[in-house]
Amino acid sequence: MSHKAAKIGITSLVLALALGGLLWSTLSEGTEYYKHVDEVMTQPDQWYGKKLRLHGFVVKDSIAKKRDSLDYRFQVQNNGQVVMASYTGIVPDTFKNDAEVVVSGTLSPHGFAVEPNGVMAKCPSKYQAKDGTAAAAAPTSGAAKPQAAAPGSY
């Protein structure tokens, strides 16, 4: 009986160690921090080399594109802290001055290196109602006339 129990115990230990090792290696490679620019740039040296998703806003007039390539350099800021970012690839249509962005990559003393397909941008003005336009209200009676749509809307 004790020989059989020892085999079960050793097998269980080996399986637990293998599962633990697999879990540790998978999680250590896939860990990515989501931080704002100001959180990272207060002590940037502690974030060097770690995978980050960095949230901020594109600094106005900071976007520079290398001629005849897809190489971009731009600055991302939040609460007065700024980081220089570099990216090679196609940027979203909404990537422009003052756009809210989340970039994925790694930080180094030379700036933030954005990984391929690592730029996500949102342009707030595209999703907010323009000043002076009112949302169409449902008519209160069946005799109401339809109103013409505002320019640029459906």
N, C-alpha and C. Protein backbone atom coordinates (compact mmCIF):
# COMPACT_ATOMS: atom_id res chain seq x y z
N MET A 1 0.81 -1.19 0.00
CA MET A 1 0.00 0.00 0.00
C MET A 1 0.86 1.26 0.00
N SER A 2 1.93 1.29 0.78
CA SER A 2 2.75 2.50 0.88
C SER A 2 3.49 2.78 -0.43
N HIS A 3 3.86 1.72 -1.17
CA HIS A 3 4.51 1.90 -2.46
C HIS A 3 3.55 2.57 -3.45
N LYS A 4 2.30 2.16 -3.45
CA LYS A 4 1.27 2.75 -4.32
C LYS A 4 1.01 4.21 -3.93
N ALA A 5 0.96 4.51 -2.65
CA ALA A 5 0.74 5.88 -2.17
C ALA A 5 1.91 6.78 -2.56
N ALA A 6 3.13 6.24 -2.52
CA ALA A 6 4.32 7.02 -2.89
C ALA A 6 4.27 7.37 -4.38
N LYS A 7 3.86 6.40 -5.22
CA LYS A 7 3.73 6.67 -6.66
C LYS A 7 2.69 7.77 -6.92
N ILE A 8 1.56 7.70 -6.26
CA ILE A 8 0.51 8.72 -6.43
C ILE A 8 1.01 10.08 -5.95
N GLY A 9 1.71 10.08 -4.83
CA GLY A 9 2.24 11.34 -4.29
C GLY A 9 3.26 11.98 -5.22
N ILE A 10 4.20 11.18 -5.73
CA ILE A 10 5.22 11.69 -6.65
C ILE A 10 4.58 12.18 -7.94
N THR A 11 3.63 11.43 -8.49
CA THR A 11 2.93 11.84 -9.71
C THR A 11 2.18 13.15 -9.49
N SER A 12 1.51 13.28 -8.35
CA SER A 12 0.79 14.52 -8.04
C SER A 12 1.75 15.69 -7.93
N LEU A 13 2.90 15.48 -7.29
CA LEU A 13 3.90 16.54 -7.14
C LEU A 13 4.44 16.97 -8.49
N VAL A 14 4.76 16.02 -9.35
CA VAL A 14 5.28 16.33 -10.69
C VAL A 14 4.23 17.12 -11.49
N LEU A 15 2.98 16.69 -11.45
CA LEU A 15 1.92 17.40 -12.18
C LEU A 15 1.72 18.81 -11.63
N ALA A 16 1.74 18.97 -10.32
CA ALA A 16 1.57 20.30 -9.71
C ALA A 16 2.72 21.22 -10.09
N LEU A 17 3.96 20.70 -10.07
CA LEU A 17 5.12 21.52 -10.47
C LEU A 17 5.05 21.90 -11.95
N ALA A 18 4.65 20.96 -12.79
CA ALA A 18 4.54 21.25 -14.23
C ALA A 18 3.47 22.30 -14.48
N LEU A 19 2.31 22.16 -13.84
CA LEU A 19 1.24 23.13 -14.01
C LEU A 19 1.65 24.50 -13.47
N GLY A 20 2.31 24.52 -12.33
CA GLY A 20 2.79 25.79 -11.76
C GLY A 20 3.80 26.46 -12.66
N GLY A 21 4.74 25.69 -13.22
CA GLY A 21 5.74 26.24 -14.13
C GLY A 21 5.12 26.80 -15.39
N LEU A 22 4.16 26.08 -15.94
CA LEU A 22 3.47 26.54 -17.14
C LEU A 22 2.70 27.83 -16.87
N LEU A 23 2.01 27.88 -15.76
CA LEU A 23 1.26 29.07 -15.37
C LEU A 23 2.19 30.26 -15.16
N TRP A 24 3.32 30.04 -14.47
CA TRP A 24 4.26 31.13 -14.21
C TRP A 24 4.86 31.66 -15.51
N SER A 25 5.27 30.78 -16.41
CA SER A 25 5.90 31.24 -17.66
C SER A 25 4.89 31.97 -18.54
N THR A 26 3.66 31.52 -18.57
CA THR A 26 2.63 32.18 -19.37
C THR A 26 2.31 33.55 -18.83
N LEU A 27 2.11 33.67 -17.53
CA LEU A 27 1.75 34.95 -16.93
C LEU A 27 2.90 35.95 -16.94
N SER A 28 4.13 35.48 -16.79
CA SER A 28 5.26 36.41 -16.77
C SER A 28 5.47 37.05 -18.13
N GLU A 29 5.18 36.34 -19.21
CA GLU A 29 5.33 36.91 -20.55
C GLU A 29 4.15 37.80 -20.93
N GLY A 30 2.97 37.50 -20.43
CA GLY A 30 1.78 38.21 -20.84
C GLY A 30 1.39 39.38 -19.95
N THR A 31 2.17 39.66 -18.92
CA THR A 31 1.82 40.75 -18.01
C THR A 31 2.05 42.09 -18.70
N GLU A 32 1.05 42.93 -18.67
CA GLU A 32 1.14 44.25 -19.27
C GLU A 32 0.44 45.23 -18.35
N TYR A 33 1.12 46.31 -17.99
CA TYR A 33 0.56 47.31 -17.08
C TYR A 33 -0.20 48.37 -17.86
N TYR A 34 -1.34 48.82 -17.33
CA TYR A 34 -2.10 49.92 -17.92
C TYR A 34 -1.88 51.13 -17.02
N LYS A 35 -1.20 52.15 -17.54
CA LYS A 35 -0.85 53.33 -16.74
C LYS A 35 -1.09 54.60 -17.55
N HIS A 36 -1.26 55.71 -16.83
CA HIS A 36 -1.33 57.03 -17.46
C HIS A 36 0.09 57.58 -17.56
N VAL A 37 0.32 58.47 -18.50
CA VAL A 37 1.65 59.03 -18.73
C VAL A 37 2.22 59.63 -17.45
N ASP A 38 1.42 60.39 -16.72
CA ASP A 38 1.94 61.05 -15.52
C ASP A 38 2.33 60.04 -14.43
N GLU A 39 1.67 58.90 -14.37
CA GLU A 39 2.03 57.87 -13.38
C GLU A 39 3.39 57.26 -13.69
N VAL A 40 3.68 57.08 -14.96
CA VAL A 40 4.93 56.46 -15.37
C VAL A 40 6.08 57.45 -15.35
N MET A 41 5.85 58.68 -15.79
CA MET A 41 6.94 59.63 -15.96
C MET A 41 7.39 60.29 -14.66
N THR A 42 6.69 60.07 -13.55
CA THR A 42 7.20 60.58 -12.27
C THR A 42 8.44 59.80 -11.84
N GLN A 43 8.48 58.50 -12.13
CA GLN A 43 9.65 57.66 -11.87
C GLN A 43 9.85 56.70 -13.04
N PRO A 44 10.32 57.22 -14.18
CA PRO A 44 10.37 56.39 -15.38
C PRO A 44 11.33 55.21 -15.29
N ASP A 45 12.41 55.34 -14.53
CA ASP A 45 13.41 54.27 -14.50
C ASP A 45 12.85 52.96 -13.94
N GLN A 46 11.84 53.00 -13.10
CA GLN A 46 11.26 51.75 -12.59
C GLN A 46 10.37 51.05 -13.61
N TRP A 47 10.05 51.73 -14.73
CA TRP A 47 9.20 51.15 -15.77
C TRP A 47 9.97 50.74 -17.02
N TYR A 48 11.28 51.01 -17.07
CA TYR A 48 12.08 50.66 -18.25
C TYR A 48 12.02 49.16 -18.52
N GLY A 49 11.73 48.82 -19.77
CA GLY A 49 11.74 47.43 -20.21
C GLY A 49 10.48 46.65 -19.92
N LYS A 50 9.54 47.21 -19.18
CA LYS A 50 8.30 46.50 -18.88
C LYS A 50 7.26 46.79 -19.95
N LYS A 51 6.40 45.81 -20.22
CA LYS A 51 5.33 46.00 -21.21
C LYS A 51 4.28 46.92 -20.58
N LEU A 52 3.93 47.97 -21.31
CA LEU A 52 2.98 48.96 -20.81
C LEU A 52 1.92 49.27 -21.84
N ARG A 53 0.75 49.63 -21.35
CA ARG A 53 -0.27 50.31 -22.14
C ARG A 53 -0.34 51.70 -21.53
N LEU A 54 0.04 52.69 -22.30
CA LEU A 54 0.18 54.05 -21.81
C LEU A 54 -0.97 54.90 -22.34
N HIS A 55 -1.69 55.55 -21.43
CA HIS A 55 -2.85 56.37 -21.78
C HIS A 55 -2.51 57.84 -21.64
N GLY A 56 -2.91 58.62 -22.64
CA GLY A 56 -2.68 60.06 -22.60
C GLY A 56 -3.29 60.73 -23.82
N PHE A 57 -2.78 61.92 -24.12
CA PHE A 57 -3.28 62.72 -25.24
C PHE A 57 -2.10 63.13 -26.12
N VAL A 58 -2.30 63.10 -27.44
CA VAL A 58 -1.25 63.50 -28.37
C VAL A 58 -1.02 64.99 -28.23
N VAL A 59 0.24 65.38 -28.03
CA VAL A 59 0.59 66.79 -27.89
C VAL A 59 0.41 67.47 -29.25
N LYS A 60 -0.23 68.63 -29.22
CA LYS A 60 -0.52 69.37 -30.46
C LYS A 60 0.78 69.67 -31.22
N ASP A 61 0.74 69.45 -32.52
CA ASP A 61 1.85 69.69 -33.45
C ASP A 61 3.11 68.87 -33.14
N SER A 62 2.96 67.72 -32.47
CA SER A 62 4.13 66.90 -32.16
C SER A 62 4.27 65.70 -33.10
N ILE A 63 3.27 65.46 -33.94
CA ILE A 63 3.31 64.29 -34.82
C ILE A 63 4.25 64.57 -35.99
N ALA A 64 5.27 63.73 -36.14
CA ALA A 64 6.20 63.84 -37.26
C ALA A 64 6.28 62.50 -37.96
N LYS A 65 6.13 62.52 -39.29
CA LYS A 65 6.19 61.29 -40.09
C LYS A 65 7.40 61.37 -41.01
N LYS A 66 8.18 60.31 -41.01
CA LYS A 66 9.34 60.25 -41.89
C LYS A 66 8.87 60.09 -43.33
N ARG A 67 9.44 60.86 -44.22
CA ARG A 67 9.05 60.86 -45.62
C ARG A 67 9.19 59.47 -46.24
N ASP A 68 8.19 59.08 -47.02
CA ASP A 68 8.16 57.80 -47.75
C ASP A 68 8.31 56.58 -46.84
N SER A 69 7.76 56.66 -45.64
CA SER A 69 7.78 55.50 -44.74
C SER A 69 6.58 55.58 -43.81
N LEU A 70 6.46 54.60 -42.96
CA LEU A 70 5.40 54.59 -41.96
C LEU A 70 5.97 54.82 -40.56
N ASP A 71 7.10 55.53 -40.48
CA ASP A 71 7.74 55.83 -39.20
C ASP A 71 7.18 57.13 -38.64
N TYR A 72 6.65 57.06 -37.42
CA TYR A 72 6.07 58.21 -36.74
C TYR A 72 6.81 58.47 -35.43
N ARG A 73 6.94 59.73 -35.09
CA ARG A 73 7.41 60.17 -33.77
C ARG A 73 6.39 61.19 -33.29
N PHE A 74 5.99 61.05 -32.04
CA PHE A 74 5.01 61.98 -31.48
C PHE A 74 5.16 61.99 -29.97
N GLN A 75 4.53 62.97 -29.34
CA GLN A 75 4.57 63.07 -27.89
C GLN A 75 3.19 62.79 -27.33
N VAL A 76 3.17 62.12 -26.18
CA VAL A 76 1.93 61.82 -25.47
C VAL A 76 2.04 62.45 -24.10
N GLN A 77 0.99 63.16 -23.68
CA GLN A 77 1.03 63.85 -22.39
C GLN A 77 -0.23 63.59 -21.59
N ASN A 78 -0.07 63.76 -20.27
CA ASN A 78 -1.20 63.69 -19.35
C ASN A 78 -0.78 64.42 -18.07
N ASN A 79 -1.60 65.36 -17.62
CA ASN A 79 -1.34 66.12 -16.40
C ASN A 79 0.06 66.74 -16.36
N GLY A 80 0.49 67.28 -17.49
CA GLY A 80 1.77 67.99 -17.54
C GLY A 80 2.99 67.13 -17.78
N GLN A 81 2.86 65.83 -17.72
CA GLN A 81 3.99 64.93 -17.97
C GLN A 81 3.94 64.48 -19.43
N VAL A 82 5.11 64.42 -20.09
CA VAL A 82 5.18 64.12 -21.52
C VAL A 82 6.19 63.00 -21.76
N VAL A 83 5.88 62.13 -22.71
CA VAL A 83 6.82 61.10 -23.15
C VAL A 83 6.87 61.11 -24.68
N MET A 84 8.07 60.95 -25.22
CA MET A 84 8.26 60.85 -26.67
C MET A 84 8.01 59.40 -27.08
N ALA A 85 7.22 59.21 -28.12
CA ALA A 85 6.89 57.86 -28.60
C ALA A 85 7.31 57.71 -30.06
N SER A 86 7.70 56.50 -30.43
CA SER A 86 8.02 56.20 -31.83
C SER A 86 7.23 54.96 -32.24
N TYR A 87 6.77 54.98 -33.49
CA TYR A 87 5.91 53.91 -33.99
C TYR A 87 6.14 53.72 -35.47
N THR A 88 6.13 52.48 -35.91
CA THR A 88 6.21 52.16 -37.33
C THR A 88 4.98 51.34 -37.68
N GLY A 89 4.16 51.88 -38.56
CA GLY A 89 2.95 51.18 -38.99
C GLY A 89 1.87 52.16 -39.39
N ILE A 90 0.71 51.63 -39.65
CA ILE A 90 -0.44 52.44 -40.05
C ILE A 90 -1.14 52.92 -38.80
N VAL A 91 -1.41 54.22 -38.74
CA VAL A 91 -2.10 54.77 -37.58
C VAL A 91 -3.60 54.87 -37.89
N PRO A 92 -4.44 54.84 -36.85
CA PRO A 92 -5.89 54.97 -37.07
C PRO A 92 -6.25 56.35 -37.63
N ASP A 93 -7.40 56.44 -38.28
CA ASP A 93 -7.87 57.72 -38.83
C ASP A 93 -8.03 58.76 -37.75
N THR A 94 -8.35 58.34 -36.55
CA THR A 94 -8.61 59.28 -35.45
C THR A 94 -7.34 59.74 -34.75
N PHE A 95 -6.18 59.28 -35.19
CA PHE A 95 -4.90 59.69 -34.61
C PHE A 95 -4.53 61.06 -35.15
N LYS A 96 -4.63 62.08 -34.31
CA LYS A 96 -4.31 63.45 -34.70
C LYS A 96 -4.02 64.27 -33.46
N ASN A 97 -3.76 65.55 -33.63
CA ASN A 97 -3.47 66.44 -32.51
C ASN A 97 -4.57 66.38 -31.46
N ASP A 98 -4.17 66.36 -30.20
CA ASP A 98 -5.07 66.37 -29.03
C ASP A 98 -5.95 65.13 -28.92
N ALA A 99 -5.73 64.10 -29.73
CA ALA A 99 -6.54 62.88 -29.65
C ALA A 99 -6.16 62.09 -28.40
N GLU A 100 -7.16 61.48 -27.79
CA GLU A 100 -6.92 60.59 -26.67
C GLU A 100 -6.37 59.28 -27.23
N VAL A 101 -5.24 58.80 -26.69
CA VAL A 101 -4.61 57.59 -27.21
C VAL A 101 -4.23 56.62 -26.09
N VAL A 102 -4.17 55.37 -26.47
CA VAL A 102 -3.57 54.33 -25.65
C VAL A 102 -2.55 53.65 -26.55
N VAL A 103 -1.28 53.66 -26.12
CA VAL A 103 -0.22 53.05 -26.91
C VAL A 103 0.36 51.88 -26.12
N SER A 104 0.67 50.79 -26.82
CA SER A 104 1.24 49.60 -26.20
C SER A 104 2.68 49.46 -26.63
N GLY A 105 3.54 49.16 -25.66
CA GLY A 105 4.95 48.98 -25.98
C GLY A 105 5.81 48.97 -24.74
N THR A 106 7.07 49.42 -24.89
CA THR A 106 8.00 49.45 -23.77
C THR A 106 8.67 50.82 -23.67
N LEU A 107 8.99 51.18 -22.44
CA LEU A 107 9.66 52.46 -22.16
C LEU A 107 11.14 52.23 -22.00
N SER A 108 11.94 53.14 -22.54
CA SER A 108 13.39 53.10 -22.37
C SER A 108 13.86 54.53 -22.12
N PRO A 109 15.13 54.73 -21.81
CA PRO A 109 15.62 56.10 -21.62
C PRO A 109 15.48 56.97 -22.88
N HIS A 110 15.30 56.33 -24.03
CA HIS A 110 15.19 57.06 -25.30
C HIS A 110 13.74 57.37 -25.67
N GLY A 111 12.78 56.91 -24.89
CA GLY A 111 11.37 57.17 -25.17
C GLY A 111 10.55 55.88 -25.13
N PHE A 112 9.34 55.99 -25.63
CA PHE A 112 8.41 54.87 -25.62
C PHE A 112 8.37 54.25 -27.00
N ALA A 113 8.77 52.98 -27.10
CA ALA A 113 8.75 52.25 -28.37
C ALA A 113 7.42 51.52 -28.48
N VAL A 114 6.59 51.96 -29.41
CA VAL A 114 5.26 51.38 -29.59
C VAL A 114 5.39 50.13 -30.45
N GLU A 115 4.75 49.05 -30.00
CA GLU A 115 4.80 47.79 -30.73
C GLU A 115 3.87 47.85 -31.95
N PRO A 116 4.03 46.94 -32.91
CA PRO A 116 3.15 46.90 -34.09
C PRO A 116 1.68 46.82 -33.68
N ASN A 117 0.86 47.58 -34.36
CA ASN A 117 -0.58 47.67 -34.08
C ASN A 117 -0.84 48.12 -32.64
N GLY A 118 0.04 48.93 -32.08
CA GLY A 118 -0.05 49.33 -30.69
C GLY A 118 -0.62 50.71 -30.47
N VAL A 119 -1.24 51.32 -31.47
CA VAL A 119 -1.83 52.66 -31.32
C VAL A 119 -3.34 52.55 -31.41
N MET A 120 -4.01 53.00 -30.35
CA MET A 120 -5.47 53.09 -30.34
C MET A 120 -5.81 54.54 -30.05
N ALA A 121 -6.60 55.18 -30.90
CA ALA A 121 -6.89 56.59 -30.73
C ALA A 121 -8.39 56.85 -30.77
N LYS A 122 -8.78 57.86 -30.01
CA LYS A 122 -10.17 58.29 -29.99
C LYS A 122 -10.17 59.80 -30.15
N CYS A 123 -11.00 60.29 -31.01
CA CYS A 123 -11.12 61.73 -31.19
C CYS A 123 -12.42 62.17 -30.54
N PRO A 124 -12.37 62.84 -29.39
CA PRO A 124 -13.59 63.19 -28.67
C PRO A 124 -14.58 64.00 -29.50
N SER A 125 -14.09 64.89 -30.35
CA SER A 125 -15.00 65.74 -31.11
C SER A 125 -15.84 64.93 -32.08
N LYS A 126 -15.38 63.77 -32.49
CA LYS A 126 -16.12 62.96 -33.44
C LYS A 126 -17.34 62.30 -32.79
N TYR A 127 -17.28 62.09 -31.49
CA TYR A 127 -18.33 61.35 -30.81
C TYR A 127 -19.24 62.23 -29.95
N GLN A 128 -18.96 63.53 -29.86
CA GLN A 128 -19.79 64.43 -29.07
C GLN A 128 -20.67 65.26 -29.98
N ALA A 129 -21.86 65.65 -29.47
CA ALA A 129 -22.76 66.50 -30.25
C ALA A 129 -22.14 67.87 -30.44
N LYS A 130 -22.32 68.44 -31.61
CA LYS A 130 -21.80 69.77 -31.88
C LYS A 130 -22.64 70.80 -31.14
N ASP A 131 -22.02 71.92 -30.76
CA ASP A 131 -22.74 73.00 -30.10
C ASP A 131 -23.80 73.56 -31.02
N GLY A 132 -24.98 73.85 -30.45
CA GLY A 132 -26.06 74.45 -31.23
C GLY A 132 -26.97 73.45 -31.91
N THR A 133 -26.63 72.16 -31.84
CA THR A 133 -27.52 71.17 -32.44
C THR A 133 -28.24 70.45 -31.31
N ALA A 134 -29.51 70.29 -31.46
CA ALA A 134 -30.31 69.60 -30.44
C ALA A 134 -30.65 68.21 -30.93
N ALA A 135 -30.75 67.29 -30.01
CA ALA A 135 -31.13 65.93 -30.37
C ALA A 135 -32.58 65.94 -30.82
N ALA A 136 -32.90 65.14 -31.82
CA ALA A 136 -34.27 65.08 -32.32
C ALA A 136 -35.16 64.47 -31.25
N ALA A 137 -36.21 65.18 -30.92
CA ALA A 137 -37.15 64.69 -29.90
C ALA A 137 -38.29 63.97 -30.59
N ALA A 138 -38.84 62.99 -29.92
CA ALA A 138 -39.97 62.26 -30.47
C ALA A 138 -41.19 63.18 -30.46
N PRO A 139 -41.97 63.21 -31.53
CA PRO A 139 -43.14 64.09 -31.57
C PRO A 139 -44.16 63.67 -30.50
N THR A 140 -44.81 64.69 -29.90
CA THR A 140 -45.78 64.40 -28.86
C THR A 140 -47.16 64.14 -29.43
N SER A 141 -47.40 64.54 -30.66
CA SER A 141 -48.69 64.26 -31.28
C SER A 141 -48.44 63.74 -32.68
N GLY A 142 -49.42 63.06 -33.22
CA GLY A 142 -49.28 62.49 -34.55
C GLY A 142 -49.25 63.53 -35.64
N ALA A 143 -49.61 64.80 -35.37
CA ALA A 143 -49.68 65.83 -36.40
C ALA A 143 -48.39 66.61 -36.55
N ALA A 144 -47.36 66.26 -35.83
CA ALA A 144 -46.11 67.02 -35.90
C ALA A 144 -45.45 66.79 -37.26
N LYS A 145 -44.86 67.86 -37.81
CA LYS A 145 -44.17 67.78 -39.09
C LYS A 145 -42.75 67.27 -38.86
N PRO A 146 -42.22 66.46 -39.76
CA PRO A 146 -40.83 66.05 -39.62
C PRO A 146 -39.92 67.24 -39.85
N GLN A 147 -38.80 67.30 -39.10
CA GLN A 147 -37.84 68.39 -39.24
C GLN A 147 -36.70 67.93 -40.14
N ALA A 148 -36.11 68.89 -40.81
CA ALA A 148 -34.96 68.61 -41.65
C ALA A 148 -33.77 68.31 -40.76
N ALA A 149 -32.93 67.41 -41.19
CA ALA A 149 -31.74 67.05 -40.42
C ALA A 149 -30.72 68.16 -40.50
N ALA A 150 -29.95 68.32 -39.44
CA ALA A 150 -28.90 69.32 -39.41
C ALA A 150 -27.81 68.88 -40.39
N PRO A 151 -27.07 69.84 -40.96
CA PRO A 151 -26.00 69.49 -41.91
C PRO A 151 -25.00 68.55 -41.24
N GLY A 152 -24.57 67.53 -41.96
CA GLY A 152 -23.58 66.60 -41.45
C GLY A 152 -24.14 65.52 -40.57
N SER A 153 -25.42 65.43 -40.38
CA SER A 153 -25.99 64.38 -39.55
C SER A 153 -26.91 63.52 -40.39
N TYR A 154 -27.42 62.46 -39.82
CA TYR A 154 -28.30 61.55 -40.53
C TYR A 154 -29.70 62.06 -40.62
